[in-house]
Protein backbone atom coordinates (compact mmCIF):
# COMPACT_ATOMS: atom_id res chain seq x y z
CA MET A 1 -28.54 -4.62 -28.52
CA ARG A 2 -30.34 -1.71 -26.86
CA GLN A 3 -28.15 0.81 -25.05
CA THR A 4 -29.12 3.28 -22.37
CA GLU A 5 -28.57 6.80 -23.66
CA LEU A 6 -25.66 8.64 -22.13
CA SER A 7 -24.90 12.27 -22.94
CA LEU A 8 -22.07 14.22 -21.40
CA SER A 9 -22.35 17.96 -20.96
CA LYS A 10 -19.82 20.22 -22.68
CA SER A 11 -17.82 20.69 -19.44
CA GLU A 12 -17.90 16.94 -18.71
CA ARG A 13 -16.73 16.18 -22.25
CA LYS A 14 -13.84 18.60 -21.77
CA LEU A 15 -12.95 17.00 -18.42
CA VAL A 16 -12.99 13.49 -19.92
CA GLU A 17 -10.76 14.59 -22.80
CA SER A 18 -8.26 16.21 -20.43
CA PHE A 19 -8.39 13.10 -18.24
CA ARG A 20 -7.59 10.91 -21.26
CA SER A 21 -4.72 13.11 -22.43
CA LYS A 22 -2.73 13.05 -19.16
CA GLY A 23 -0.69 10.07 -18.01
CA GLU A 24 -1.41 10.50 -14.30
CA HIS A 25 -4.12 7.87 -13.89
CA MET A 26 -4.45 4.11 -13.53
CA ALA A 27 -5.34 1.93 -16.52
CA ARG A 28 -8.84 1.19 -15.19
CA GLU A 29 -9.51 4.91 -14.88
CA PHE A 30 -8.31 5.50 -18.45
CA ASN A 31 -10.59 2.71 -19.66
CA ARG A 32 -13.55 4.29 -17.89
CA ALA A 33 -12.80 7.65 -19.51
CA HIS A 34 -12.56 5.98 -22.93
CA ILE A 35 -15.83 4.10 -22.26
CA LEU A 36 -17.67 7.29 -21.27
CA SER A 37 -16.32 9.12 -24.30
CA ALA A 38 -17.35 6.29 -26.62
CA LEU A 39 -20.82 6.01 -25.08
CA ASP A 40 -21.24 9.76 -25.44
CA ARG A 41 -20.44 9.43 -29.17
CA LYS A 42 -23.05 6.61 -29.46
CA ILE A 43 -20.49 3.92 -30.35
CA PRO A 44 -22.00 0.42 -29.93
CA GLU A 45 -20.96 -1.65 -26.91
CA ALA A 46 -19.61 -4.47 -29.09
CA GLN A 47 -17.20 -2.08 -30.79
CA ILE A 48 -16.09 -0.56 -27.45
CA MET A 49 -15.44 -4.05 -26.11
CA ALA A 50 -13.38 -4.99 -29.18
CA VAL A 51 -11.31 -1.81 -29.30
CA LEU A 52 -10.65 -1.36 -25.56
CA GLY A 53 -10.50 -5.04 -24.67
CA VAL A 54 -12.95 -4.66 -21.78
CA GLY A 55 -15.93 -6.79 -20.86
CA ARG A 56 -19.57 -5.86 -21.11
CA THR A 57 -19.84 -5.57 -17.32
CA ALA A 58 -17.12 -2.87 -17.26
CA ILE A 59 -19.19 -0.85 -19.71
CA TRP A 60 -22.39 -1.42 -17.76
CA ARG A 61 -20.83 -0.51 -14.43
CA THR A 62 -19.19 2.63 -15.83
CA ARG A 63 -22.46 3.76 -17.40
CA ALA A 64 -24.42 3.00 -14.21
CA ALA A 65 -21.89 4.82 -12.02
CA TYR A 66 -22.10 7.90 -14.26
CA LEU A 67 -25.90 7.91 -14.37
CA GLU A 68 -26.25 7.37 -10.60
CA CYS A 69 -23.46 9.51 -9.12
CA GLY A 70 -21.88 11.61 -11.83
CA LEU A 71 -18.63 11.89 -13.74
CA GLU A 72 -16.09 11.98 -10.88
CA TYR A 73 -17.54 8.84 -9.31
CA ALA A 74 -17.58 7.03 -12.65
CA LEU A 75 -13.93 7.84 -13.40
CA ARG A 76 -12.23 7.26 -10.06
CA ASP A 77 -11.49 4.07 -8.21
CA VAL A 78 -13.20 3.71 -4.86
CA GLU A 79 -10.81 3.20 -1.91
CA ARG A 80 -10.36 -0.48 -1.22
CA PRO A 81 -9.97 -1.41 2.42
CA GLY A 82 -7.90 -4.54 1.84
CA GLN A 83 -7.80 -7.54 4.10
CA PRO A 84 -7.92 -6.68 7.80
CA LYS A 85 -4.77 -7.25 9.83
CA ARG A 86 -4.81 -10.65 11.47
CA TYR A 87 -2.42 -9.72 14.28
CA GLY A 88 -2.73 -6.46 16.19
CA ALA A 89 -0.37 -4.41 18.33
CA PRO A 90 -0.28 -6.83 21.30
CA GLU A 91 0.80 -9.74 19.10
CA GLU A 92 3.35 -7.54 17.30
CA ALA A 93 4.70 -6.47 20.69
CA GLN A 94 4.98 -10.08 21.83
CA VAL A 95 6.92 -11.10 18.72
CA THR A 96 9.18 -8.05 19.06
CA ALA A 97 9.80 -8.74 22.74
CA LEU A 98 10.60 -12.34 21.88
CA ALA A 99 13.07 -11.21 19.22
CA CYS A 100 14.72 -8.91 21.77
CA SER A 101 15.08 -11.65 24.38
CA SER A 102 17.91 -14.16 24.63
CA PRO A 103 17.86 -16.86 21.93
CA PRO A 104 17.03 -20.45 22.94
CA GLN A 105 19.66 -22.93 24.09
CA GLY A 106 21.96 -24.00 21.27
CA ALA A 107 21.34 -20.91 19.10
CA LYS A 108 23.55 -17.86 18.84
CA ARG A 109 20.69 -15.63 17.65
CA TRP A 110 17.05 -15.72 16.76
CA THR A 111 16.10 -16.84 13.25
CA VAL A 112 12.67 -16.36 11.74
CA ASP A 113 12.03 -20.11 12.06
CA LEU A 114 12.99 -20.13 15.75
CA LEU A 115 10.81 -17.08 16.38
CA THR A 116 7.90 -18.80 14.60
CA GLN A 117 8.26 -21.92 16.75
CA ALA A 118 8.45 -19.88 19.94
CA ALA A 119 5.51 -17.64 19.00
CA ARG A 120 3.31 -20.67 18.22
CA ARG A 121 3.62 -21.78 21.84
CA HIS A 122 1.35 -18.87 22.84
CA PRO A 123 -2.42 -19.41 22.61
CA GLN A 124 -3.28 -16.32 20.54
CA MET A 125 -0.61 -17.11 17.92
CA ARG A 126 -0.94 -20.86 17.37
CA GLN A 127 -1.58 -20.40 13.64
CA ILE A 128 0.97 -17.64 12.93
CA SER A 129 3.06 -18.29 9.84
CA ARG A 130 6.75 -17.75 9.22
CA GLU A 131 5.90 -15.01 6.74
CA SER A 132 3.74 -13.18 9.29
CA ILE A 133 6.62 -13.20 11.76
CA ARG A 134 8.97 -11.88 9.08
CA ARG A 135 6.55 -9.09 8.14
CA LEU A 136 5.95 -8.10 11.76
CA LEU A 137 9.68 -7.65 12.27
CA LYS A 138 10.27 -5.89 8.96
CA LYS A 139 8.26 -2.74 9.49
CA PRO A 140 8.60 0.37 7.31
CA PRO A 141 10.65 3.16 8.95
CA GLN A 142 7.68 5.51 9.48
CA THR A 143 6.04 3.04 11.90
CA LEU A 144 9.07 2.71 14.15
CA ALA A 145 9.05 4.34 17.56
CA GLN A 146 11.14 7.46 17.86
CA ALA A 147 11.25 7.71 21.67
CA ASP A 148 10.57 5.53 24.70
CA VAL A 149 12.63 2.67 23.28
CA VAL A 150 12.62 -0.48 25.37
CA HIS A 151 15.82 -2.55 25.57
CA TRP A 152 15.31 -5.88 27.28
CA GLN A 153 19.02 -6.34 27.87
CA PRO A 154 20.98 -3.17 28.64
CA ASP A 155 24.20 -4.48 27.08
CA ARG A 156 22.46 -5.64 23.91
CA ARG A 157 21.40 -3.04 21.33
CA VAL A 158 18.25 -3.62 19.33
CA SER A 159 18.10 -2.83 15.63
CA LYS A 160 15.61 -0.16 14.56
CA ALA A 161 13.47 -2.81 12.87
CA HIS A 162 12.67 -4.36 16.27
CA VAL A 163 11.89 -1.19 18.20
CA ARG A 164 8.40 -0.53 19.60
CA CYS A 165 6.85 2.02 21.93
CA ALA A 166 7.29 1.33 25.63
CA GLY A 167 3.55 1.59 26.20
CA ILE A 168 2.84 -1.35 23.93
CA VAL A 169 5.51 -3.76 25.18
CA ARG A 170 4.74 -4.61 28.78
CA THR A 171 5.88 -8.15 29.28
CA ALA A 172 8.57 -10.22 27.67
CA LEU A 173 7.61 -13.67 26.48
């Protein structure tokens, strides 16, 4: 099997070795450093695959990334955008406002299932799942509003998990 030649400079070799010796990186990044080091030492692809337990495409992609864009690009993971949010701020505000309103007849308080049923009555949220409702209401603390808190019922206090900025919440459901 013919391999494309890959030769690291002295400084790159030193960087790869220091990269491999520190435990601050993800496993894929370590594998890429090992692959580059092995390719630099002219070790056959079959042996690299057997020792590191990686596929041929991982070797090819690492080599191609190094040859096209350099060492840093070949070692690091590219930011992954993830799946886009299905429901934006207006939908989050609607669910929050609903959770802050009075519960339906026959219920003492809102449950996630009741909120899901109520939210599905609105056209833009017909397909919303129970899990989406749960996640919308369980926000990490850094996303919670610090000021301009809206309370739909003055005598009823809202937990911090259900707080939103006043500018977002305009109408109750």
